[in-house]
Amino acid sequence: MSSPASPAGGGEATALRKPEWLKIRLRQTKNFHGTRNIVHGQRLHTVCEEAACPNMAECWTRGTATIMIMGDTCTRSCGFCNVKTGRPQPLDPGEPKRVAEAIRDMKLQYTVITSVDRDELPDAGAHHFADTIRAVHALNPQCKVEVLVPDFKGLDASIEAVCNAAPDVFAHNMETVARLHLRVRPQAKYWRSLQVLGKAKRRGMVVKSGIMVGLGETREEVVQLMRDLVDVGCDLMTIGQYMQPSPRHLPVEEYIHPDMFAEYKRIGTQLGVRHVEAGPLVRSSYRAETQAALMESHLI
């Protein structure tokens, strides 16, 4: 099922040829530049740029962006992620207000807010997340907020702080199957990520998670992961193709055919996930507003 690959970084492996279904044409429209100007004008970071998301042109043209708070430097070194690792700067207390103002200027009805990992902070950054959610709600009462959070080292108080700020969706990504977790997310734990999602669900949150495929997982392992997500109450799920950001990142072991994504979507729904967004170019916040709207209107 998988091609030979080096154990880390991918520099020694022969790169797989990218299939036609992953080739996209970038279009930079007036709306694209408008979104970029607002984000950059407020001195904000976006996961769209930092993680080199293939959907950036589409989303920015629609006037949506996934805002990344707490800086652009992560304390972890995941093998798939394009965000830089190092010693972060201190938190900026003015950032929540600037995020809220950017959302106002973009006239958003739905926003996704994520972050780097900040393991050096006692609360792993949870209260900064909560401050940002409250600032967005105060200035943009019409805007729904989805947060895509780190695992906060599993701290109950940190998870509670974010839930108490009342985001509309609480998301935390599993990223990959249990067997590959140590290789893909060496400073995270599969069971801990499941616990984070379960704790948020017990606090009344709409819960969401996402994974990448093409890292060497098997169909059976993906199905087991979906069962684990259902067991902790996960409502929404995304499945997308892993794409290697640079030669120093983990290699792509396989490009998954669109038919397999359709199969994963069918299986996940049968198992009890309320909505599965699956496709080669799907990312965790891709068309998040559509998924949340379907759930709110009880269409899923």
C-alpha atoms as a PDB file:
ATOM      1  CA  MET A   1       0.000   0.000   0.000  1.00  0.00           C
ATOM      2  CA  SER A   2       2.849   2.397   0.764  1.00  0.00           C
ATOM      3  CA  SER A   3       5.993   3.425  -1.070  1.00  0.00           C
ATOM      4  CA  PRO A   4       9.481   3.220   0.501  1.00  0.00           C
ATOM      5  CA  ALA A   5      10.328   6.284   2.549  1.00  0.00           C
ATOM      6  CA  SER A   6      12.994   7.577   4.867  1.00  0.00           C
ATOM      7  CA  PRO A   7      12.007   7.498   8.553  1.00  0.00           C
ATOM      8  CA  ALA A   8      12.165  11.266   8.994  1.00  0.00           C
ATOM      9  CA  GLY A   9      12.350  14.318   6.807  1.00  0.00           C
ATOM     10  CA  GLY A  10      11.828  12.505   3.532  1.00  0.00           C
ATOM     11  CA  GLY A  11      15.030  13.775   1.935  1.00  0.00           C
ATOM     12  CA  GLU A  12      16.274  10.287   1.002  1.00  0.00           C
ATOM     13  CA  ALA A  13      13.020   9.023  -0.495  1.00  0.00           C
ATOM     14  CA  THR A  14      12.049   9.335  -4.128  1.00  0.00           C
ATOM     15  CA  ALA A  15       9.160  11.806  -4.284  1.00  0.00           C
ATOM     16  CA  LEU A  16       5.874  10.421  -5.552  1.00  0.00           C
ATOM     17  CA  ARG A  17       4.379  12.055  -8.614  1.00  0.00           C
ATOM     18  CA  LYS A  18       1.441  14.250  -7.637  1.00  0.00           C
ATOM     19  CA  PRO A  19      -1.793  12.998  -9.260  1.00  0.00           C
ATOM     20  CA  GLU A  20      -4.041  15.188 -11.377  1.00  0.00           C
ATOM     21  CA  TRP A  21      -6.704  15.502  -8.688  1.00  0.00           C
ATOM     22  CA  LEU A  22      -4.232  17.382  -6.457  1.00  0.00           C
ATOM     23  CA  LYS A  23      -3.209  19.954  -9.035  1.00  0.00           C
ATOM     24  CA  ILE A  24      -4.945  23.274  -8.432  1.00  0.00           C
ATOM     25  CA  ARG A  25      -4.753  26.616 -10.174  1.00  0.00           C
ATOM     26  CA  LEU A  26      -4.185  29.577  -7.887  1.00  0.00           C
ATOM     27  CA  ARG A  27      -6.373  32.618  -8.559  1.00  0.00           C
ATOM     28  CA  GLN A  28      -5.744  35.886  -6.771  1.00  0.00           C
ATOM     29  CA  THR A  29      -8.850  38.040  -6.965  1.00  0.00           C
ATOM     30  CA  LYS A  30      -9.764  41.426  -5.545  1.00  0.00           C
ATOM     31  CA  ASN A  31     -11.344  39.711  -2.537  1.00  0.00           C
ATOM     32  CA  PHE A  32      -8.174  37.675  -2.022  1.00  0.00           C
ATOM     33  CA  HIS A  33      -6.054  40.815  -1.807  1.00  0.00           C
ATOM     34  CA  GLY A  34      -8.638  42.497   0.429  1.00  0.00           C
ATOM     35  CA  THR A  35      -8.513  39.653   2.938  1.00  0.00           C
ATOM     36  CA  ARG A  36      -4.714  39.623   2.857  1.00  0.00           C
ATOM     37  CA  ASN A  37      -4.542  43.383   3.433  1.00  0.00           C
ATOM     38  CA  ILE A  38      -6.813  43.178   6.480  1.00  0.00           C
ATOM     39  CA  VAL A  39      -4.906  40.258   8.012  1.00  0.00           C
ATOM     40  CA  HIS A  40      -1.509  41.822   7.424  1.00  0.00           C
ATOM     41  CA  GLY A  41      -2.722  45.268   8.448  1.00  0.00           C
ATOM     42  CA  GLN A  42      -3.703  43.907  11.867  1.00  0.00           C
ATOM     43  CA  ARG A  43      -0.314  42.145  12.186  1.00  0.00           C
ATOM     44  CA  LEU A  44      -1.998  38.755  12.451  1.00  0.00           C
ATOM     45  CA  HIS A  45      -0.794  35.316  11.434  1.00  0.00           C
ATOM     46  CA  THR A  46      -2.924  32.826   9.535  1.00  0.00           C
ATOM     47  CA  VAL A  47      -2.562  29.084   9.323  1.00  0.00           C
ATOM     48  CA  CYS A  48      -3.405  29.554   5.641  1.00  0.00           C
ATOM     49  CA  GLU A  49       0.021  31.113   5.055  1.00  0.00           C
ATOM     50  CA  GLU A  50       2.088  29.497   7.801  1.00  0.00           C
ATOM     51  CA  ALA A  51       0.989  25.955   6.913  1.00  0.00           C
ATOM     52  CA  ALA A  52       1.014  26.586   3.129  1.00  0.00           C
ATOM     53  CA  CYS A  53      -2.626  25.526   2.778  1.00  0.00           C
ATOM     54  CA  PRO A  54      -3.609  24.602  -0.804  1.00  0.00           C
ATOM     55  CA  ASN A  55      -7.043  26.185  -0.327  1.00  0.00           C
ATOM     56  CA  MET A  56      -5.783  29.651   0.606  1.00  0.00           C
ATOM     57  CA  ALA A  57      -6.768  31.291  -2.680  1.00  0.00           C
ATOM     58  CA  GLU A  58     -10.286  29.841  -2.571  1.00  0.00           C
ATOM     59  CA  CYS A  59     -10.915  30.713   1.063  1.00  0.00           C
ATOM     60  CA  TRP A  60      -9.397  34.202   0.919  1.00  0.00           C
ATOM     61  CA  THR A  61     -11.428  34.937  -2.205  1.00  0.00           C
ATOM     62  CA  ARG A  62     -14.535  33.994  -0.208  1.00  0.00           C
ATOM     63  CA  GLY A  63     -13.374  36.408   2.502  1.00  0.00           C
ATOM     64  CA  THR A  64     -12.558  33.749   5.088  1.00  0.00           C
ATOM     65  CA  ALA A  65      -9.272  33.000   6.820  1.00  0.00           C
ATOM     66  CA  THR A  66      -8.162  30.795   9.693  1.00  0.00           C
ATOM     67  CA  ILE A  67      -6.443  33.125  12.138  1.00  0.00           C
ATOM     68  CA  MET A  68      -3.495  31.774  14.119  1.00  0.00           C
ATOM     69  CA  ILE A  69      -2.960  33.388  17.509  1.00  0.00           C
ATOM     70  CA  MET A  70      -0.082  33.328  20.018  1.00  0.00           C
ATOM     71  CA  GLY A  71       2.609  34.001  17.431  1.00  0.00           C
ATOM     72  CA  ASP A  72       4.146  32.105  14.530  1.00  0.00           C
ATOM     73  CA  THR A  73       6.602  29.933  16.491  1.00  0.00           C
ATOM     74  CA  CYS A  74       5.581  26.563  17.954  1.00  0.00           C
ATOM     75  CA  THR A  75       7.132  24.744  20.905  1.00  0.00           C
ATOM     76  CA  ARG A  76       6.575  21.371  19.223  1.00  0.00           C
ATOM     77  CA  SER A  77       8.185  19.813  16.165  1.00  0.00           C
ATOM     78  CA  CYS A  78       5.588  17.700  14.383  1.00  0.00           C
ATOM     79  CA  GLY A  79       6.905  15.918  11.310  1.00  0.00           C
ATOM     80  CA  PHE A  80       4.142  17.158   9.006  1.00  0.00           C
ATOM     81  CA  CYS A  81       3.788  20.807   9.987  1.00  0.00           C
ATOM     82  CA  ASN A  82       5.222  23.804   8.146  1.00  0.00           C
ATOM     83  CA  VAL A  83       4.981  26.156  11.145  1.00  0.00           C
ATOM     84  CA  LYS A  84       8.435  26.928  12.531  1.00  0.00           C
ATOM     85  CA  THR A  85       9.655  25.512  15.838  1.00  0.00           C
ATOM     86  CA  GLY A  86      11.596  27.478  18.427  1.00  0.00           C
ATOM     87  CA  ARG A  87      11.294  29.750  21.444  1.00  0.00           C
ATOM     88  CA  PRO A  88       8.158  31.897  21.041  1.00  0.00           C
ATOM     89  CA  GLN A  89       7.852  35.571  21.911  1.00  0.00           C
ATOM     90  CA  PRO A  90       5.738  36.571  24.935  1.00  0.00           C
ATOM     91  CA  LEU A  91       2.004  36.687  24.353  1.00  0.00           C
ATOM     92  CA  ASP A  92       0.683  39.947  22.925  1.00  0.00           C
ATOM     93  CA  PRO A  93      -2.159  41.216  25.157  1.00  0.00           C
ATOM     94  CA  GLY A  94      -3.456  43.370  22.286  1.00  0.00           C
ATOM     95  CA  GLU A  95      -3.904  40.435  19.940  1.00  0.00           C
ATOM     96  CA  PRO A  96      -7.481  39.441  20.943  1.00  0.00           C
ATOM     97  CA  LYS A  97      -8.701  42.973  20.138  1.00  0.00           C
ATOM     98  CA  ARG A  98      -6.906  42.994  16.765  1.00  0.00           C
ATOM     99  CA  VAL A  99      -8.395  39.624  15.859  1.00  0.00           C
ATOM    100  CA  ALA A 100     -11.865  40.938  16.671  1.00  0.00           C
ATOM    101  CA  GLU A 101     -11.257  44.067  14.575  1.00  0.00           C
ATOM    102  CA  ALA A 102     -10.019  42.034  11.603  1.00  0.00           C
ATOM    103  CA  ILE A 103     -13.127  39.860  11.748  1.00  0.00           C
ATOM    104  CA  ARG A 104     -15.270  43.009  11.850  1.00  0.00           C
ATOM    105  CA  ASP A 105     -13.448  44.476   8.851  1.00  0.00           C
ATOM    106  CA  MET A 106     -13.828  41.240   6.873  1.00  0.00           C
ATOM    107  CA  LYS A 107     -17.530  41.167   7.802  1.00  0.00           C
ATOM    108  CA  LEU A 108     -17.296  37.511   8.720  1.00  0.00           C
ATOM    109  CA  GLN A 109     -20.273  35.460   9.831  1.00  0.00           C
ATOM    110  CA  TYR A 110     -18.041  32.543  10.800  1.00  0.00           C
ATOM    111  CA  THR A 111     -14.398  32.381  11.806  1.00  0.00           C
ATOM    112  CA  VAL A 112     -11.883  29.718  12.774  1.00  0.00           C
ATOM    113  CA  ILE A 113      -9.218  30.611  15.333  1.00  0.00           C
ATOM    114  CA  THR A 114      -6.270  28.300  15.896  1.00  0.00           C
ATOM    115  CA  SER A 115      -2.803  28.620  17.407  1.00  0.00           C
ATOM    116  CA  VAL A 116       0.693  27.276  17.710  1.00  0.00           C
ATOM    117  CA  ASP A 117       1.467  25.066  20.719  1.00  0.00           C
ATOM    118  CA  ARG A 118       2.702  27.077  23.706  1.00  0.00           C
ATOM    119  CA  ASP A 119       3.842  24.366  26.111  1.00  0.00           C
ATOM    120  CA  GLU A 120       6.078  26.810  27.974  1.00  0.00           C
ATOM    121  CA  LEU A 121       3.043  28.645  29.371  1.00  0.00           C
ATOM    122  CA  PRO A 122       1.465  27.353  32.612  1.00  0.00           C
ATOM    123  CA  ASP A 123      -1.976  27.098  30.969  1.00  0.00           C
ATOM    124  CA  ALA A 124      -0.558  26.308  27.479  1.00  0.00           C
ATOM    125  CA  GLY A 125      -2.235  29.490  26.225  1.00  0.00           C
ATOM    126  CA  ALA A 126      -5.835  28.590  27.090  1.00  0.00           C
ATOM    127  CA  HIS A 127      -6.733  31.930  28.686  1.00  0.00           C
ATOM    128  CA  HIS A 128      -5.398  33.819  25.661  1.00  0.00           C
ATOM    129  CA  PHE A 129      -7.721  31.677  23.550  1.00  0.00           C
ATOM    130  CA  ALA A 130     -10.605  32.508  25.880  1.00  0.00           C
ATOM    131  CA  ASP A 131      -9.809  36.234  25.770  1.00  0.00           C
ATOM    132  CA  THR A 132      -9.808  36.112  21.966  1.00  0.00           C
ATOM    133  CA  ILE A 133     -13.150  34.307  21.789  1.00  0.00           C
ATOM    134  CA  ARG A 134     -14.740  36.862  24.122  1.00  0.00           C
ATOM    135  CA  ALA A 135     -13.261  39.793  22.197  1.00  0.00           C
ATOM    136  CA  VAL A 136     -14.631  38.429  18.919  1.00  0.00           C
ATOM    137  CA  HIS A 137     -18.070  37.878  20.428  1.00  0.00           C
ATOM    138  CA  ALA A 138     -18.143  41.359  21.968  1.00  0.00           C
ATOM    139  CA  LEU A 139     -17.301  43.178  18.715  1.00  0.00           C
ATOM    140  CA  ASN A 140     -18.996  40.743  16.321  1.00  0.00           C
ATOM    141  CA  PRO A 141     -22.086  39.289  17.995  1.00  0.00           C
ATOM    142  CA  GLN A 142     -23.277  37.911  14.658  1.00  0.00           C
ATOM    143  CA  CYS A 143     -20.095  35.907  14.079  1.00  0.00           C
ATOM    144  CA  LYS A 144     -19.850  32.266  15.077  1.00  0.00           C
ATOM    145  CA  VAL A 145     -16.473  31.138  16.403  1.00  0.00           C
ATOM    146  CA  GLU A 146     -14.805  27.778  15.870  1.00  0.00           C
ATOM    147  CA  VAL A 147     -11.589  27.167  17.772  1.00  0.00           C
ATOM    148  CA  LEU A 148      -8.995  24.637  16.669  1.00  0.00           C
ATOM    149  CA  VAL A 149      -6.966  24.157  19.820  1.00  0.00           C
ATOM    150  CA  PRO A 150      -3.782  22.306  20.826  1.00  0.00           C
ATOM    151  CA  ASP A 151      -4.043  19.598  23.478  1.00  0.00           C
ATOM    152  CA  PHE A 152      -3.150  22.058  26.293  1.00  0.00           C
ATOM    153  CA  LYS A 153      -1.061  19.199  27.755  1.00  0.00           C
ATOM    154  CA  GLY A 154      -4.403  17.666  28.777  1.00  0.00           C
ATOM    155  CA  LEU A 155      -4.942  20.232  31.541  1.00  0.00           C
ATOM    156  CA  ASP A 156      -8.562  20.166  32.742  1.00  0.00           C
ATOM    157  CA  ALA A 157      -8.506  23.830  33.787  1.00  0.00           C
ATOM    158  CA  SER A 158      -7.266  24.924  30.353  1.00  0.00           C
ATOM    159  CA  ILE A 159      -9.946  22.970  28.498  1.00  0.00           C
ATOM    160  CA  GLU A 160     -12.569  24.361  30.862  1.00  0.00           C
ATOM    161  CA  ALA A 161     -11.336  27.942  30.331  1.00  0.00           C
ATOM    162  CA  VAL A 162     -11.835  27.673  26.572  1.00  0.00           C
ATOM    163  CA  CYS A 163     -15.233  25.997  26.903  1.00  0.00           C
ATOM    164  CA  ASN A 164     -16.397  28.681  29.345  1.00  0.00           C
ATOM    165  CA  ALA A 165     -15.725  31.317  26.672  1.00  0.00           C
ATOM    166  CA  ALA A 166     -18.484  29.608  24.643  1.00  0.00           C
ATOM    167  CA  PRO A 167     -17.051  28.911  21.190  1.00  0.00           C
ATOM    168  CA  ASP A 168     -19.613  27.503  18.782  1.00  0.00           C
ATOM    169  CA  VAL A 169     -17.347  24.590  17.818  1.00  0.00           C
ATOM    170  CA  PHE A 170     -14.451  23.091  19.797  1.00  0.00           C
ATOM    171  CA  ALA A 171     -11.970  21.372  17.469  1.00  0.00           C
ATOM    172  CA  HIS A 172      -8.784  19.456  18.169  1.00  0.00           C
ATOM    173  CA  ASN A 173      -7.088  17.386  15.492  1.00  0.00           C
ATOM    174  CA  MET A 174      -6.005  13.789  15.975  1.00  0.00           C
ATOM    175  CA  GLU A 175      -3.897  14.229  12.801  1.00  0.00           C
ATOM    176  CA  THR A 176      -3.125  10.514  12.308  1.00  0.00           C
ATOM    177  CA  VAL A 177      -3.835   6.972  13.445  1.00  0.00           C
ATOM    178  CA  ALA A 178      -2.576   5.520  16.728  1.00  0.00           C
ATOM    179  CA  ARG A 179       0.332   3.506  15.263  1.00  0.00           C
ATOM    180  CA  LEU A 180       1.851   6.517  13.502  1.00  0.00           C
ATOM    181  CA  HIS A 181       1.349   9.017  16.284  1.00  0.00           C
ATOM    182  CA  LEU A 182       4.848   8.913  17.738  1.00  0.00           C
ATOM    183  CA  ARG A 183       6.399   9.458  14.303  1.00  0.00           C
ATOM    184  CA  VAL A 184       4.018  12.184  13.160  1.00  0.00           C
ATOM    185  CA  ARG A 185       3.390  13.996  16.475  1.00  0.00           C
ATOM    186  CA  PRO A 186       6.308  13.056  18.757  1.00  0.00           C
ATOM    187  CA  GLN A 187       5.319  15.421  21.567  1.00  0.00           C
ATOM    188  CA  ALA A 188       1.623  14.522  21.533  1.00  0.00           C
ATOM    189  CA  LYS A 189      -0.245  11.428  22.643  1.00  0.00           C
ATOM    190  CA  TYR A 190      -3.123   9.708  20.840  1.00  0.00           C
ATOM    191  CA  TRP A 191      -5.014   8.947  24.035  1.00  0.00           C
ATOM    192  CA  ARG A 192      -4.534  12.481  25.350  1.00  0.00           C
ATOM    193  CA  SER A 193      -6.019  14.022  22.213  1.00  0.00           C
ATOM    194  CA  LEU A 194      -9.043  11.741  22.567  1.00  0.00           C
ATOM    195  CA  GLN A 195      -9.381  12.812  26.192  1.00  0.00           C
ATOM    196  CA  VAL A 196      -9.314  16.504  25.232  1.00  0.00           C
ATOM    197  CA  LEU A 197     -12.189  15.965  22.806  1.00  0.00           C
ATOM    198  CA  GLY A 198     -14.139  13.913  25.332  1.00  0.00           C
ATOM    199  CA  LYS A 199     -13.713  16.533  28.058  1.00  0.00           C
ATOM    200  CA  ALA A 200     -14.978  19.280  25.738  1.00  0.00           C
ATOM    201  CA  LYS A 201     -17.969  17.154  24.747  1.00  0.00           C
ATOM    202  CA  ARG A 202     -18.895  16.570  28.389  1.00  0.00           C
ATOM    203  CA  ARG A 203     -18.869  20.350  28.834  1.00  0.00           C
ATOM    204  CA  GLY A 204     -21.543  20.698  26.165  1.00  0.00           C
ATOM    205  CA  MET A 205     -19.381  21.603  23.183  1.00  0.00           C
ATOM    206  CA  VAL A 206     -19.952  20.706  19.540  1.00  0.00           C
ATOM    207  CA  VAL A 207     -16.758  18.705  18.990  1.00  0.00           C
ATOM    208  CA  LYS A 208     -14.718  18.328  15.800  1.00  0.00           C
ATOM    209  CA  SER A 209     -11.491  16.620  14.792  1.00  0.00           C
ATOM    210  CA  GLY A 210      -9.418  16.048  11.655  1.00  0.00           C
ATOM    211  CA  ILE A 211      -6.828  13.691  10.248  1.00  0.00           C
ATOM    212  CA  MET A 212      -4.444  13.428   7.318  1.00  0.00           C
ATOM    213  CA  VAL A 213      -4.083  10.290   5.198  1.00  0.00           C
ATOM    214  CA  GLY A 214      -1.233   9.192   2.986  1.00  0.00           C
ATOM    215  CA  LEU A 215       1.281   8.788   5.811  1.00  0.00           C
ATOM    216  CA  GLY A 216       1.300   4.983   5.696  1.00  0.00           C
ATOM    217  CA  GLU A 217      -1.894   4.237   7.618  1.00  0.00           C
ATOM    218  CA  THR A 218      -4.200   1.357   6.665  1.00  0.00           C
ATOM    219  CA  ARG A 219      -7.933   1.490   6.001  1.00  0.00           C
ATOM    220  CA  GLU A 220      -8.569  -0.534   9.159  1.00  0.00           C
ATOM    221  CA  GLU A 221      -6.568   1.930  11.261  1.00  0.00           C
ATOM    222  CA  VAL A 222      -8.561   4.887   9.933  1.00  0.00           C
ATOM    223  CA  VAL A 223     -11.816   3.077  10.693  1.00  0.00           C
ATOM    224  CA  GLN A 224     -10.613   2.352  14.247  1.00  0.00           C
ATOM    225  CA  LEU A 225      -9.728   6.030  14.703  1.00  0.00           C
ATOM    226  CA  MET A 226     -13.246   6.984  13.629  1.00  0.00           C
ATOM    227  CA  ARG A 227     -14.659   4.506  16.149  1.00  0.00           C
ATOM    228  CA  ASP A 228     -12.505   6.098  18.849  1.00  0.00           C
ATOM    229  CA  LEU A 229     -13.797   9.550  17.891  1.00  0.00           C
ATOM    230  CA  VAL A 230     -17.408   8.381  18.046  1.00  0.00           C
ATOM    231  CA  ASP A 231     -16.752   6.889  21.493  1.00  0.00           C
ATOM    232  CA  VAL A 232     -15.725  10.325  22.861  1.00  0.00           C
ATOM    233  CA  GLY A 233     -18.674  12.081  21.195  1.00  0.00           C
ATOM    234  CA  CYS A 234     -17.076  13.699  18.155  1.00  0.00           C
ATOM    235  CA  ASP A 235     -19.713  15.413  15.987  1.00  0.00           C
ATOM    236  CA  LEU A 236     -17.721  16.624  12.962  1.00  0.00           C
ATOM    237  CA  MET A 237     -14.648  15.260  11.203  1.00  0.00           C
ATOM    238  CA  THR A 238     -12.365  16.203   8.327  1.00  0.00           C
ATOM    239  CA  ILE A 239     -10.107  13.871   6.316  1.00  0.00           C
ATOM    240  CA  GLY A 240      -7.577  15.235   3.820  1.00  0.00           C
ATOM    241  CA  GLN A 241      -4.479  14.195   1.910  1.00  0.00           C
ATOM    242  CA  TYR A 242      -1.135  14.830   3.588  1.00  0.00           C
ATOM    243  CA  MET A 243       1.176  16.852   1.351  1.00  0.00           C
ATOM    244  CA  GLN A 244       4.845  17.257   2.232  1.00  0.00           C
ATOM    245  CA  PRO A 245       5.611  20.967   2.830  1.00  0.00           C
ATOM    246  CA  SER A 246       9.374  20.621   2.263  1.00  0.00           C
ATOM    247  CA  PRO A 247      12.103  17.958   1.894  1.00  0.00           C
ATOM    248  CA  ARG A 248      12.789  18.082   5.651  1.00  0.00           C
ATOM    249  CA  HIS A 249       9.236  16.992   6.489  1.00  0.00           C
ATOM    250  CA  LEU A 250       7.803  13.485   6.511  1.00  0.00           C
ATOM    251  CA  PRO A 251       7.385  12.084   2.999  1.00  0.00           C
ATOM    252  CA  VAL A 252       4.067  11.272   1.360  1.00  0.00           C
ATOM    253  CA  GLU A 253       3.786   7.496   1.397  1.00  0.00           C
ATOM    254  CA  GLU A 254       0.692   7.339  -0.785  1.00  0.00           C
ATOM    255  CA  TYR A 255      -1.705   9.613  -2.636  1.00  0.00           C
ATOM    256  CA  ILE A 256      -5.170   8.457  -1.676  1.00  0.00           C
ATOM    257  CA  HIS A 257      -7.695   8.230  -4.519  1.00  0.00           C
ATOM    258  CA  PRO A 258     -10.865  10.364  -4.258  1.00  0.00           C
ATOM    259  CA  ASP A 259     -12.949   7.182  -4.230  1.00  0.00           C
ATOM    260  CA  MET A 260     -11.291   6.173  -0.944  1.00  0.00           C
ATOM    261  CA  PHE A 261     -12.175   9.547   0.565  1.00  0.00           C
ATOM    262  CA  ALA A 262     -15.789   8.935  -0.420  1.00  0.00           C
ATOM    263  CA  GLU A 263     -15.560   5.533   1.256  1.00  0.00           C
ATOM    264  CA  TYR A 264     -14.177   7.056   4.467  1.00  0.00           C
ATOM    265  CA  LYS A 265     -16.993   9.597   4.462  1.00  0.00           C
ATOM    266  CA  ARG A 266     -19.577   6.815   4.117  1.00  0.00           C
ATOM    267  CA  ILE A 267     -18.006   4.690   6.876  1.00  0.00           C
ATOM    268  CA  GLY A 268     -17.634   7.598   9.289  1.00  0.00           C
ATOM    269  CA  THR A 269     -21.268   8.576   8.875  1.00  0.00           C
ATOM    270  CA  GLN A 270     -22.389   4.979   9.386  1.00  0.00           C
ATOM    271  CA  LEU A 271     -20.319   4.759  12.566  1.00  0.00           C
ATOM    272  CA  GLY A 272     -22.022   7.837  14.008  1.00  0.00           C
ATOM    273  CA  VAL A 273     -20.001  10.935  13.114  1.00  0.00           C
ATOM    274  CA  ARG A 274     -22.658  13.497  12.258  1.00  0.00           C
ATOM    275  CA  HIS A 275     -20.740  14.962   9.318  1.00  0.00           C
ATOM    276  CA  VAL A 276     -17.510  13.869   7.633  1.00  0.00           C
ATOM    277  CA  GLU A 277     -15.868  16.289   5.189  1.00  0.00           C
ATOM    278  CA  ALA A 278     -13.442  14.136   3.192  1.00  0.00           C
ATOM    279  CA  GLY A 279     -11.411  14.830   0.059  1.00  0.00           C
ATOM    280  CA  PRO A 280      -7.840  15.228  -1.157  1.00  0.00           C
ATOM    281  CA  LEU A 281      -7.742  18.994  -0.587  1.00  0.00           C
ATOM    282  CA  VAL A 282      -9.844  19.076   2.588  1.00  0.00           C
ATOM    283  CA  ARG A 283      -8.174  20.699   5.585  1.00  0.00           C
ATOM    284  CA  SER A 284      -9.460  20.989   9.145  1.00  0.00           C
ATOM    285  CA  SER A 285     -11.058  24.414   8.676  1.00  0.00           C
ATOM    286  CA  TYR A 286     -12.072  24.001   5.017  1.00  0.00           C
ATOM    287  CA  ARG A 287     -15.646  25.264   4.618  1.00  0.00           C
ATOM    288  CA  ALA A 288     -16.091  24.944   8.359  1.00  0.00           C
ATOM    289  CA  GLU A 289     -19.028  27.331   8.241  1.00  0.00           C
ATOM    290  CA  THR A 290     -20.954  24.936   5.983  1.00  0.00           C
ATOM    291  CA  GLN A 291     -20.462  21.985   8.320  1.00  0.00           C
ATOM    292  CA  ALA A 292     -21.564  23.978  11.353  1.00  0.00           C
ATOM    293  CA  ALA A 293     -24.613  25.353   9.510  1.00  0.00           C
ATOM    294  CA  LEU A 294     -25.718  21.862   8.501  1.00  0.00           C
ATOM    295  CA  MET A 295     -25.502  20.725  12.104  1.00  0.00           C
ATOM    296  CA  GLU A 296     -27.290  23.764  13.482  1.00  0.00           C
ATOM    297  CA  SER A 297     -30.141  23.338  11.016  1.00  0.00           C
ATOM    298  CA  HIS A 298     -30.415  19.655  11.992  1.00  0.00           C
ATOM    299  CA  LEU A 299     -29.742  18.535   8.422  1.00  0.00           C
ATOM    300  CA  ILE A 300     -27.092  16.162   9.775  1.00  0.00           C
END
